[in-house]
Protein backbone atom coordinates (compact mmCIF):
# COMPACT_ATOMS: atom_id res chain seq x y z
CA MET A 1 8.37 12.13 44.38
CA ALA A 2 5.43 9.36 44.02
CA LYS A 3 3.11 11.75 42.07
CA ASP A 4 5.89 12.49 39.87
CA ASN A 5 6.28 8.66 38.98
CA GLN A 6 2.72 8.04 39.06
CA SER A 7 2.16 10.85 36.35
CA ASP A 8 5.28 9.53 34.49
CA THR A 9 4.09 6.11 34.63
CA LYS A 10 0.39 7.43 33.28
CA GLN A 11 2.54 9.52 30.47
CA LEU A 12 4.26 6.54 29.30
CA ALA A 13 0.94 4.22 29.21
CA GLU A 14 -0.81 6.66 27.12
CA SER A 15 2.30 7.01 24.92
CA ILE A 16 2.13 3.18 24.29
CA ASP A 17 -1.65 3.16 23.93
CA LYS A 18 -1.18 5.93 21.07
CA LEU A 19 1.49 4.27 19.49
CA GLU A 20 -0.79 0.84 19.44
CA ARG A 21 -3.30 2.99 17.70
CA ARG A 22 -1.26 3.99 15.45
CA LEU A 23 0.10 0.45 14.43
CA ASP A 24 -3.42 -0.50 14.28
CA MET A 25 -3.74 2.06 11.80
CA ILE A 26 -0.90 1.62 9.62
CA ASP A 27 -1.78 -2.14 9.44
CA ARG A 28 -5.32 -1.61 7.99
CA ARG A 29 -4.02 0.79 5.28
CA LEU A 30 -1.34 -1.76 4.65
CA ASP A 31 -3.99 -4.51 4.03
CA ASP A 32 -5.92 -1.82 1.89
CA ILE A 33 -2.79 -0.95 0.11
CA ASP A 34 -2.15 -5.00 -0.53
CA SER A 35 -5.85 -5.47 -1.99
CA MET A 36 -6.08 -2.67 -4.51
CA VAL A 37 -2.42 -4.16 -5.52
CA SER A 38 -3.62 -7.33 -5.63
CA ALA A 39 -6.59 -6.39 -7.78
CA ALA A 40 -4.78 -4.45 -10.12
CA ILE A 41 -2.33 -7.56 -10.68
CA GLU A 42 -5.46 -9.76 -11.46
CA ARG A 43 -6.60 -7.49 -13.96
CA VAL A 44 -3.49 -7.23 -15.52
CA MET A 45 -2.98 -10.98 -15.51
CA SER A 46 -6.30 -11.73 -16.95
CA GLN A 47 -6.40 -8.95 -19.85
CA PRO A 48 -4.09 -7.09 -21.70
CA ALA A 49 -3.05 -3.37 -20.41
CA ILE A 50 -1.75 -1.14 -22.92
CA LEU A 51 0.04 2.15 -21.73
CA LEU A 52 0.55 5.05 -24.96
CA LEU A 53 3.20 7.28 -24.12
CA ASN A 54 4.10 10.19 -25.94
CA CYS A 55 8.08 10.96 -26.25
CA PRO A 56 8.92 14.35 -25.42
CA ASN A 57 12.29 14.47 -27.39
CA CYS A 58 11.06 13.31 -30.87
CA GLY A 59 7.22 13.20 -30.21
CA LYS A 60 6.73 9.90 -31.24
CA ASN A 61 4.04 7.27 -29.55
CA ILE A 62 5.36 4.99 -27.91
CA GLU A 63 3.12 1.69 -27.04
CA ILE A 64 3.73 -0.66 -24.31
CA SER A 65 1.72 -3.62 -23.95
CA LEU A 66 1.23 -5.58 -20.79
CA VAL A 67 0.40 -9.28 -21.54
CA GLY A 68 0.00 -11.91 -18.39
CA VAL A 69 -0.99 -15.19 -18.24
CA LYS A 70 -3.08 -17.06 -15.84
CA LYS A 71 -2.02 -20.29 -14.75
CA PRO A 72 -4.87 -22.85 -15.11
CA GLY A 73 -6.56 -23.54 -12.07
CA VAL A 74 -5.57 -20.30 -10.38
């Protein structure tokens, strides 16, 4: 009976450690994504970005310009 409890406790501890490692990995990935999105936003804010699309129905070209303005001192 005591061996079963020790075995269960050990498995629970291993599961918790595995969960902690996974949470840390997710946290690092989210930090990386945040950095990439922030860099992209800074780029858009500092210079115009132009999207050129082709309409699948009529075949006309559609141009979408994204222009941002940086606040002074930021």
